[in-house]
């Protein structure tokens, strides 16, 4: 019998989630050839996969959550990025940081260098079922799960960004461009998966090149739907965008002390 707040987890789906996540991280870093190691199921509720190359930690939360959504895994979880040689945690976060689109811990810091494990720990009760039991469990929870999933989607998922640009779904600035519906930034041939709030902030800057945007204006435009506005969020999100845009020397997000920020365009901007 399933208790409230629990749901079956298929280990095979977790395996596919981590392999998909590793594949997207490697592709984003330009690695199309390296073999992806087998997923390790270390304890009852802990899985991990090894990545030997340097990857973008800033991209990890959205990529992993997208894979979990695709395979229908909704159990709460925590993620740790551990060094292969000694299992020391370099970086980490929990599911709520991603769902609430808040500041994910350690984002914007130096990328993990060398071999690391991406380890996911499901924090709720874990129930696994054999193939013969699955059909009975799924029949019992299918109705409630469908209603809960629909409620969560429409209540929690931000509305898609509206695109009025003449060039379809792309907005171009400097040598970079932003795909609005998929929230993908292309900068110097490298693709970055942005969060909803990052994409919304970047769209605001791109729509006002050279124009000073006051902090209060940015908060109203980007965070108004949250109800509670935190001024520090502007600085953190600008820092994250700067890091993703650093390969494009033709643009820069410049701080005007005590006032706000503006996106400047032109060759040679640091």
C-alpha atoms as a PDB file:
ATOM      1  CA  UNK A   1       0.000   0.000   0.000  1.00  0.00           C
ATOM      2  CA  UNK A   2       1.263   3.499  -0.899  1.00  0.00           C
ATOM      3  CA  UNK A   3       1.378   6.095   1.848  1.00  0.00           C
ATOM      4  CA  UNK A   4       0.519   9.760   1.297  1.00  0.00           C
ATOM      5  CA  UNK A   5       3.330  11.666  -0.374  1.00  0.00           C
ATOM      6  CA  UNK A   6       5.004   8.569  -1.789  1.00  0.00           C
ATOM      7  CA  UNK A   7       5.153   7.188  -5.316  1.00  0.00           C
ATOM      8  CA  UNK A   8       6.997   4.382  -7.043  1.00  0.00           C
ATOM      9  CA  UNK A   9      10.353   5.141  -8.629  1.00  0.00           C
ATOM     10  CA  UNK A  10      11.559   3.034 -11.515  1.00  0.00           C
ATOM     11  CA  UNK A  11      15.365   2.614 -11.196  1.00  0.00           C
ATOM     12  CA  UNK A  12      15.605   2.245 -14.970  1.00  0.00           C
ATOM     13  CA  UNK A  13      14.052   5.693 -15.410  1.00  0.00           C
ATOM     14  CA  UNK A  14      16.531   7.228 -12.955  1.00  0.00           C
ATOM     15  CA  UNK A  15      19.310   5.579 -14.967  1.00  0.00           C
ATOM     16  CA  UNK A  16      17.999   7.174 -18.171  1.00  0.00           C
ATOM     17  CA  UNK A  17      17.579  10.555 -16.451  1.00  0.00           C
ATOM     18  CA  UNK A  18      21.224  10.672 -15.361  1.00  0.00           C
ATOM     19  CA  UNK A  19      22.529   9.441 -18.706  1.00  0.00           C
ATOM     20  CA  UNK A  20      20.464  12.066 -20.527  1.00  0.00           C
ATOM     21  CA  UNK A  21      21.720  14.744 -18.134  1.00  0.00           C
ATOM     22  CA  UNK A  22      25.367  13.727 -18.635  1.00  0.00           C
ATOM     23  CA  UNK A  23      24.913  13.680 -22.407  1.00  0.00           C
ATOM     24  CA  UNK A  24      23.471  17.217 -22.502  1.00  0.00           C
ATOM     25  CA  UNK A  25      26.172  18.582 -20.186  1.00  0.00           C
ATOM     26  CA  UNK A  26      28.942  17.084 -22.329  1.00  0.00           C
ATOM     27  CA  UNK A  27      27.355  18.350 -25.543  1.00  0.00           C
ATOM     28  CA  UNK A  28      27.018  21.830 -24.077  1.00  0.00           C
ATOM     29  CA  UNK A  29      30.757  21.796 -23.306  1.00  0.00           C
ATOM     30  CA  UNK A  30      31.545  20.751 -26.889  1.00  0.00           C
ATOM     31  CA  UNK A  31      32.261  17.070 -26.160  1.00  0.00           C
ATOM     32  CA  UNK A  32      30.393  14.888 -28.668  1.00  0.00           C
ATOM     33  CA  UNK A  33      32.572  11.773 -28.487  1.00  0.00           C
ATOM     34  CA  UNK A  34      33.362  10.752 -24.901  1.00  0.00           C
ATOM     35  CA  UNK A  35      31.743   7.582 -23.588  1.00  0.00           C
ATOM     36  CA  UNK A  36      29.229   8.094 -20.786  1.00  0.00           C
ATOM     37  CA  UNK A  37      29.979   5.699 -17.867  1.00  0.00           C
ATOM     38  CA  UNK A  38      27.346   3.440 -16.328  1.00  0.00           C
ATOM     39  CA  UNK A  39      25.053   4.896 -13.675  1.00  0.00           C
ATOM     40  CA  UNK A  40      25.810   3.650 -10.144  1.00  0.00           C
ATOM     41  CA  UNK A  41      22.981   2.838  -7.704  1.00  0.00           C
ATOM     42  CA  UNK A  42      25.003   3.207  -4.502  1.00  0.00           C
ATOM     43  CA  UNK A  43      22.246   2.895  -1.861  1.00  0.00           C
ATOM     44  CA  UNK A  44      18.466   2.507  -1.825  1.00  0.00           C
ATOM     45  CA  UNK A  45      17.744   6.131  -2.698  1.00  0.00           C
ATOM     46  CA  UNK A  46      21.060   7.363  -4.163  1.00  0.00           C
ATOM     47  CA  UNK A  47      22.195   7.221  -7.783  1.00  0.00           C
ATOM     48  CA  UNK A  48      25.230   8.840  -9.388  1.00  0.00           C
ATOM     49  CA  UNK A  49      27.058   9.165 -12.693  1.00  0.00           C
ATOM     50  CA  UNK A  50      30.675  10.077 -13.365  1.00  0.00           C
ATOM     51  CA  UNK A  51      31.727  12.929 -15.652  1.00  0.00           C
ATOM     52  CA  UNK A  52      35.458  13.145 -16.226  1.00  0.00           C
ATOM     53  CA  UNK A  53      35.419  16.430 -18.152  1.00  0.00           C
ATOM     54  CA  UNK A  54      34.771  19.965 -16.931  1.00  0.00           C
ATOM     55  CA  UNK A  55      31.086  20.872 -17.352  1.00  0.00           C
ATOM     56  CA  UNK A  56      28.806  23.853 -16.722  1.00  0.00           C
ATOM     57  CA  UNK A  57      27.383  23.608 -13.196  1.00  0.00           C
ATOM     58  CA  UNK A  58      25.089  26.564 -13.946  1.00  0.00           C
ATOM     59  CA  UNK A  59      23.387  24.434 -16.618  1.00  0.00           C
ATOM     60  CA  UNK A  60      22.997  21.319 -14.437  1.00  0.00           C
ATOM     61  CA  UNK A  61      19.839  22.257 -12.430  1.00  0.00           C
ATOM     62  CA  UNK A  62      17.639  23.013 -15.443  1.00  0.00           C
ATOM     63  CA  UNK A  63      18.987  20.090 -17.501  1.00  0.00           C
ATOM     64  CA  UNK A  64      18.453  17.550 -14.688  1.00  0.00           C
ATOM     65  CA  UNK A  65      14.991  18.872 -13.781  1.00  0.00           C
ATOM     66  CA  UNK A  66      13.970  18.733 -17.453  1.00  0.00           C
ATOM     67  CA  UNK A  67      15.039  15.078 -17.656  1.00  0.00           C
ATOM     68  CA  UNK A  68      13.170  14.211 -14.438  1.00  0.00           C
ATOM     69  CA  UNK A  69      10.044  15.891 -15.799  1.00  0.00           C
ATOM     70  CA  UNK A  70      10.354  13.971 -19.054  1.00  0.00           C
ATOM     71  CA  UNK A  71      10.398  10.622 -17.235  1.00  0.00           C
ATOM     72  CA  UNK A  72       7.689  11.610 -14.759  1.00  0.00           C
ATOM     73  CA  UNK A  73       9.828  11.491 -11.603  1.00  0.00           C
ATOM     74  CA  UNK A  74       8.503  13.985  -9.031  1.00  0.00           C
ATOM     75  CA  UNK A  75      10.097  12.754  -5.791  1.00  0.00           C
ATOM     76  CA  UNK A  76      11.932  15.550  -3.893  1.00  0.00           C
ATOM     77  CA  UNK A  77      15.693  15.283  -4.230  1.00  0.00           C
ATOM     78  CA  UNK A  78      19.087  16.742  -3.421  1.00  0.00           C
ATOM     79  CA  UNK A  79      22.060  16.957  -5.785  1.00  0.00           C
ATOM     80  CA  UNK A  80      25.748  16.866  -4.870  1.00  0.00           C
ATOM     81  CA  UNK A  81      28.714  17.291  -7.212  1.00  0.00           C
ATOM     82  CA  UNK A  82      31.545  15.230  -5.688  1.00  0.00           C
ATOM     83  CA  UNK A  83      35.204  14.871  -6.602  1.00  0.00           C
ATOM     84  CA  UNK A  84      35.981  11.400  -7.924  1.00  0.00           C
ATOM     85  CA  UNK A  85      39.199  10.964  -5.981  1.00  0.00           C
ATOM     86  CA  UNK A  86      37.868  11.599  -2.456  1.00  0.00           C
ATOM     87  CA  UNK A  87      34.056  12.023  -2.642  1.00  0.00           C
ATOM     88  CA  UNK A  88      34.328  15.580  -1.288  1.00  0.00           C
ATOM     89  CA  UNK A  89      31.327  17.721  -2.213  1.00  0.00           C
ATOM     90  CA  UNK A  90      32.312  20.703  -4.365  1.00  0.00           C
ATOM     91  CA  UNK A  91      28.807  21.980  -5.201  1.00  0.00           C
ATOM     92  CA  UNK A  92      25.187  21.108  -4.495  1.00  0.00           C
ATOM     93  CA  UNK A  93      21.540  22.176  -4.258  1.00  0.00           C
ATOM     94  CA  UNK A  94      18.038  20.790  -3.684  1.00  0.00           C
ATOM     95  CA  UNK A  95      14.899  20.507  -5.842  1.00  0.00           C
ATOM     96  CA  UNK A  96      13.111  23.503  -4.309  1.00  0.00           C
ATOM     97  CA  UNK A  97      15.927  25.802  -5.490  1.00  0.00           C
ATOM     98  CA  UNK A  98      15.027  24.894  -9.081  1.00  0.00           C
ATOM     99  CA  UNK A  99      11.227  24.742  -8.845  1.00  0.00           C
ATOM    100  CA  UNK A 100      10.983  28.134  -7.147  1.00  0.00           C
ATOM    101  CA  UNK A 101      13.551  29.577  -9.596  1.00  0.00           C
ATOM    102  CA  UNK A 102      15.449  31.062  -6.675  1.00  0.00           C
ATOM    103  CA  UNK A 103      19.200  31.463  -6.421  1.00  0.00           C
ATOM    104  CA  UNK A 104      20.636  27.967  -6.770  1.00  0.00           C
ATOM    105  CA  UNK A 105      23.540  27.643  -4.296  1.00  0.00           C
ATOM    106  CA  UNK A 106      27.020  27.971  -5.805  1.00  0.00           C
ATOM    107  CA  UNK A 107      25.764  29.195  -9.190  1.00  0.00           C
ATOM    108  CA  UNK A 108      28.100  31.651 -10.851  1.00  0.00           C
ATOM    109  CA  UNK A 109      31.131  30.251  -9.063  1.00  0.00           C
ATOM    110  CA  UNK A 110      34.115  28.513 -10.648  1.00  0.00           C
ATOM    111  CA  UNK A 111      33.130  25.448 -12.699  1.00  0.00           C
ATOM    112  CA  UNK A 112      34.007  21.994 -11.296  1.00  0.00           C
ATOM    113  CA  UNK A 113      37.313  20.993 -12.876  1.00  0.00           C
ATOM    114  CA  UNK A 114      38.326  17.389 -13.556  1.00  0.00           C
ATOM    115  CA  UNK A 115      36.494  14.162 -12.729  1.00  0.00           C
ATOM    116  CA  UNK A 116      33.288  14.495 -10.680  1.00  0.00           C
ATOM    117  CA  UNK A 117      30.232  12.459  -9.733  1.00  0.00           C
ATOM    118  CA  UNK A 118      26.779  13.978 -10.153  1.00  0.00           C
ATOM    119  CA  UNK A 119      24.877  12.334  -7.312  1.00  0.00           C
ATOM    120  CA  UNK A 120      21.107  12.543  -6.825  1.00  0.00           C
ATOM    121  CA  UNK A 121      19.521  11.552  -3.519  1.00  0.00           C
ATOM    122  CA  UNK A 122      15.749  11.199  -3.343  1.00  0.00           C
ATOM    123  CA  UNK A 123      14.718  12.505   0.070  1.00  0.00           C
ATOM    124  CA  UNK A 124      11.174  11.088   0.288  1.00  0.00           C
ATOM    125  CA  UNK A 125      10.302   7.437   0.976  1.00  0.00           C
ATOM    126  CA  UNK A 126      11.408   5.281  -1.953  1.00  0.00           C
ATOM    127  CA  UNK A 127       9.178   2.522  -3.266  1.00  0.00           C
ATOM    128  CA  UNK A 128      10.270   0.327  -6.165  1.00  0.00           C
ATOM    129  CA  UNK A 129       8.094  -2.254  -7.824  1.00  0.00           C
ATOM    130  CA  UNK A 130       8.752  -5.281  -9.972  1.00  0.00           C
ATOM    131  CA  UNK A 131       7.346  -5.256 -13.495  1.00  0.00           C
ATOM    132  CA  UNK A 132       4.473  -7.527 -12.481  1.00  0.00           C
ATOM    133  CA  UNK A 133       3.385  -5.120  -9.733  1.00  0.00           C
ATOM    134  CA  UNK A 134       3.734  -1.920 -11.721  1.00  0.00           C
ATOM    135  CA  UNK A 135       0.449  -2.161 -13.628  1.00  0.00           C
ATOM    136  CA  UNK A 136      -1.581  -2.435 -10.411  1.00  0.00           C
ATOM    137  CA  UNK A 137       0.209   0.471  -8.768  1.00  0.00           C
ATOM    138  CA  UNK A 138      -0.112   2.680 -11.819  1.00  0.00           C
ATOM    139  CA  UNK A 139      -3.831   1.942 -12.165  1.00  0.00           C
ATOM    140  CA  UNK A 140      -4.344   2.915  -8.523  1.00  0.00           C
ATOM    141  CA  UNK A 141      -2.519   6.251  -8.745  1.00  0.00           C
ATOM    142  CA  UNK A 142      -3.048   7.264 -12.389  1.00  0.00           C
ATOM    143  CA  UNK A 143      -6.123   9.410 -11.734  1.00  0.00           C
ATOM    144  CA  UNK A 144      -4.700  11.324  -8.766  1.00  0.00           C
ATOM    145  CA  UNK A 145      -1.307  11.685 -10.395  1.00  0.00           C
ATOM    146  CA  UNK A 146      -2.844  13.216 -13.513  1.00  0.00           C
ATOM    147  CA  UNK A 147      -4.812  15.763 -11.504  1.00  0.00           C
ATOM    148  CA  UNK A 148      -1.800  16.629  -9.320  1.00  0.00           C
ATOM    149  CA  UNK A 149       0.502  16.983 -12.326  1.00  0.00           C
ATOM    150  CA  UNK A 150      -1.927  19.310 -14.104  1.00  0.00           C
ATOM    151  CA  UNK A 151      -2.372  21.435 -10.972  1.00  0.00           C
ATOM    152  CA  UNK A 152       1.389  21.696 -10.413  1.00  0.00           C
ATOM    153  CA  UNK A 153       2.051  22.566 -14.070  1.00  0.00           C
ATOM    154  CA  UNK A 154      -0.437  25.403 -14.331  1.00  0.00           C
ATOM    155  CA  UNK A 155       0.245  26.784 -10.844  1.00  0.00           C
ATOM    156  CA  UNK A 156       4.024  26.579 -10.810  1.00  0.00           C
ATOM    157  CA  UNK A 157       5.177  26.802 -14.411  1.00  0.00           C
ATOM    158  CA  UNK A 158       5.803  30.407 -15.557  1.00  0.00           C
ATOM    159  CA  UNK A 159       4.014  31.549 -18.678  1.00  0.00           C
ATOM    160  CA  UNK A 160       6.122  31.351 -21.868  1.00  0.00           C
ATOM    161  CA  UNK A 161       7.890  34.553 -22.850  1.00  0.00           C
ATOM    162  CA  UNK A 162       5.959  36.461 -25.498  1.00  0.00           C
ATOM    163  CA  UNK A 163       7.950  36.943 -28.696  1.00  0.00           C
ATOM    164  CA  UNK A 164       7.182  39.860 -30.997  1.00  0.00           C
ATOM    165  CA  UNK A 165      10.512  39.868 -32.823  1.00  0.00           C
ATOM    166  CA  UNK A 166      10.464  39.766 -36.670  1.00  0.00           C
ATOM    167  CA  UNK A 167      13.046  36.971 -36.701  1.00  0.00           C
ATOM    168  CA  UNK A 168      10.749  34.243 -35.376  1.00  0.00           C
ATOM    169  CA  UNK A 169      11.628  33.045 -31.910  1.00  0.00           C
ATOM    170  CA  UNK A 170      15.189  34.441 -31.887  1.00  0.00           C
ATOM    171  CA  UNK A 171      16.340  37.776 -30.507  1.00  0.00           C
ATOM    172  CA  UNK A 172      19.815  38.772 -31.714  1.00  0.00           C
ATOM    173  CA  UNK A 173      22.232  41.108 -29.881  1.00  0.00           C
ATOM    174  CA  UNK A 174      25.954  41.516 -30.558  1.00  0.00           C
ATOM    175  CA  UNK A 175      27.282  38.133 -31.694  1.00  0.00           C
ATOM    176  CA  UNK A 176      24.755  36.291 -29.526  1.00  0.00           C
ATOM    177  CA  UNK A 177      21.097  35.393 -29.726  1.00  0.00           C
ATOM    178  CA  UNK A 178      18.311  34.206 -27.427  1.00  0.00           C
ATOM    179  CA  UNK A 179      15.650  31.637 -28.357  1.00  0.00           C
ATOM    180  CA  UNK A 180      12.649  32.683 -26.313  1.00  0.00           C
ATOM    181  CA  UNK A 181      10.382  29.654 -26.210  1.00  0.00           C
ATOM    182  CA  UNK A 182      13.165  27.173 -25.373  1.00  0.00           C
ATOM    183  CA  UNK A 183      15.146  29.673 -23.223  1.00  0.00           C
ATOM    184  CA  UNK A 184      18.410  28.856 -25.010  1.00  0.00           C
ATOM    185  CA  UNK A 185      21.252  31.371 -25.327  1.00  0.00           C
ATOM    186  CA  UNK A 186      23.738  30.942 -28.172  1.00  0.00           C
ATOM    187  CA  UNK A 187      27.019  32.749 -27.538  1.00  0.00           C
ATOM    188  CA  UNK A 188      30.099  32.208 -29.707  1.00  0.00           C
ATOM    189  CA  UNK A 189      28.738  28.874 -30.907  1.00  0.00           C
ATOM    190  CA  UNK A 190      28.085  27.616 -27.356  1.00  0.00           C
ATOM    191  CA  UNK A 191      24.542  26.909 -26.199  1.00  0.00           C
ATOM    192  CA  UNK A 192      23.435  27.683 -22.646  1.00  0.00           C
ATOM    193  CA  UNK A 193      20.121  26.527 -21.161  1.00  0.00           C
ATOM    194  CA  UNK A 194      18.696  29.480 -19.221  1.00  0.00           C
ATOM    195  CA  UNK A 195      16.120  29.470 -16.457  1.00  0.00           C
ATOM    196  CA  UNK A 196      12.834  31.299 -17.038  1.00  0.00           C
ATOM    197  CA  UNK A 197      14.009  34.274 -14.968  1.00  0.00           C
ATOM    198  CA  UNK A 198      17.426  34.452 -16.704  1.00  0.00           C
ATOM    199  CA  UNK A 199      15.764  34.455 -20.122  1.00  0.00           C
ATOM    200  CA  UNK A 200      13.290  37.134 -19.061  1.00  0.00           C
ATOM    201  CA  UNK A 201      16.068  39.364 -17.710  1.00  0.00           C
ATOM    202  CA  UNK A 202      18.234  38.902 -20.811  1.00  0.00           C
ATOM    203  CA  UNK A 203      15.263  39.683 -23.068  1.00  0.00           C
ATOM    204  CA  UNK A 204      14.725  42.926 -21.122  1.00  0.00           C
ATOM    205  CA  UNK A 205      18.360  43.999 -21.624  1.00  0.00           C
ATOM    206  CA  UNK A 206      18.366  42.993 -25.300  1.00  0.00           C
ATOM    207  CA  UNK A 207      15.194  45.003 -25.925  1.00  0.00           C
ATOM    208  CA  UNK A 208      16.837  48.152 -24.493  1.00  0.00           C
ATOM    209  CA  UNK A 209      20.458  48.250 -25.777  1.00  0.00           C
ATOM    210  CA  UNK A 210      22.433  51.180 -24.420  1.00  0.00           C
ATOM    211  CA  UNK A 211      19.554  52.209 -22.153  1.00  0.00           C
ATOM    212  CA  UNK A 212      20.024  52.483 -18.400  1.00  0.00           C
ATOM    213  CA  UNK A 213      17.520  50.278 -16.593  1.00  0.00           C
ATOM    214  CA  UNK A 214      16.978  51.192 -12.967  1.00  0.00           C
ATOM    215  CA  UNK A 215      16.946  48.394 -10.405  1.00  0.00           C
ATOM    216  CA  UNK A 216      13.310  49.048  -9.495  1.00  0.00           C
ATOM    217  CA  UNK A 217      12.341  48.887 -13.163  1.00  0.00           C
ATOM    218  CA  UNK A 218      14.163  45.566 -13.566  1.00  0.00           C
ATOM    219  CA  UNK A 219      12.458  44.122 -10.478  1.00  0.00           C
ATOM    220  CA  UNK A 220       9.037  45.179 -11.741  1.00  0.00           C
ATOM    221  CA  UNK A 221       9.615  43.742 -15.211  1.00  0.00           C
ATOM    222  CA  UNK A 222      11.274  40.452 -14.248  1.00  0.00           C
ATOM    223  CA  UNK A 223      10.113  39.585 -10.714  1.00  0.00           C
ATOM    224  CA  UNK A 224       6.687  41.237 -10.449  1.00  0.00           C
ATOM    225  CA  UNK A 225       4.857  37.891 -10.765  1.00  0.00           C
ATOM    226  CA  UNK A 226       6.577  36.572  -7.620  1.00  0.00           C
ATOM    227  CA  UNK A 227       4.864  39.084  -5.324  1.00  0.00           C
ATOM    228  CA  UNK A 228       7.927  39.406  -3.065  1.00  0.00           C
ATOM    229  CA  UNK A 229      10.849  41.190  -4.702  1.00  0.00           C
ATOM    230  CA  UNK A 230      14.427  40.755  -3.513  1.00  0.00           C
ATOM    231  CA  UNK A 231      16.871  43.403  -4.732  1.00  0.00           C
ATOM    232  CA  UNK A 232      19.845  41.069  -4.376  1.00  0.00           C
ATOM    233  CA  UNK A 233      18.316  38.801  -7.042  1.00  0.00           C
ATOM    234  CA  UNK A 234      19.127  41.393  -9.713  1.00  0.00           C
ATOM    235  CA  UNK A 235      22.850  41.329  -8.910  1.00  0.00           C
ATOM    236  CA  UNK A 236      22.986  37.525  -8.772  1.00  0.00           C
ATOM    237  CA  UNK A 237      21.144  37.030 -12.054  1.00  0.00           C
ATOM    238  CA  UNK A 238      23.211  39.695 -13.818  1.00  0.00           C
ATOM    239  CA  UNK A 239      26.353  37.899 -12.626  1.00  0.00           C
ATOM    240  CA  UNK A 240      25.070  34.629 -14.066  1.00  0.00           C
ATOM    241  CA  UNK A 241      24.244  36.257 -17.421  1.00  0.00           C
ATOM    242  CA  UNK A 242      27.656  37.930 -17.592  1.00  0.00           C
ATOM    243  CA  UNK A 243      29.332  34.571 -17.170  1.00  0.00           C
ATOM    244  CA  UNK A 244      27.315  33.031 -19.985  1.00  0.00           C
ATOM    245  CA  UNK A 245      27.946  36.035 -22.261  1.00  0.00           C
ATOM    246  CA  UNK A 246      31.683  36.398 -21.583  1.00  0.00           C
ATOM    247  CA  UNK A 247      32.618  34.740 -24.898  1.00  0.00           C
ATOM    248  CA  UNK A 248      30.942  37.611 -26.808  1.00  0.00           C
ATOM    249  CA  UNK A 249      33.266  40.617 -26.551  1.00  0.00           C
ATOM    250  CA  UNK A 250      30.860  42.808 -28.557  1.00  0.00           C
ATOM    251  CA  UNK A 251      28.405  43.194 -25.670  1.00  0.00           C
ATOM    252  CA  UNK A 252      28.517  43.731 -21.945  1.00  0.00           C
ATOM    253  CA  UNK A 253      26.099  44.297 -19.067  1.00  0.00           C
ATOM    254  CA  UNK A 254      27.473  47.343 -17.283  1.00  0.00           C
ATOM    255  CA  UNK A 255      26.609  48.403 -13.730  1.00  0.00           C
ATOM    256  CA  UNK A 256      25.818  52.050 -13.020  1.00  0.00           C
ATOM    257  CA  UNK A 257      26.577  52.391  -9.326  1.00  0.00           C
ATOM    258  CA  UNK A 258      23.538  53.052  -7.190  1.00  0.00           C
ATOM    259  CA  UNK A 259      21.177  53.169 -10.161  1.00  0.00           C
ATOM    260  CA  UNK A 260      20.993  49.956 -12.200  1.00  0.00           C
ATOM    261  CA  UNK A 261      22.394  48.233 -15.287  1.00  0.00           C
ATOM    262  CA  UNK A 262      22.537  48.642 -19.051  1.00  0.00           C
ATOM    263  CA  UNK A 263      23.598  46.460 -21.958  1.00  0.00           C
ATOM    264  CA  UNK A 264      26.295  48.148 -24.033  1.00  0.00           C
ATOM    265  CA  UNK A 265      27.148  47.035 -27.546  1.00  0.00           C
ATOM    266  CA  UNK A 266      30.341  47.576 -29.518  1.00  0.00           C
ATOM    267  CA  UNK A 267      33.620  45.823 -30.263  1.00  0.00           C
ATOM    268  CA  UNK A 268      35.967  45.216 -27.358  1.00  0.00           C
ATOM    269  CA  UNK A 269      33.632  45.568 -24.394  1.00  0.00           C
ATOM    270  CA  UNK A 270      34.986  43.572 -21.433  1.00  0.00           C
END
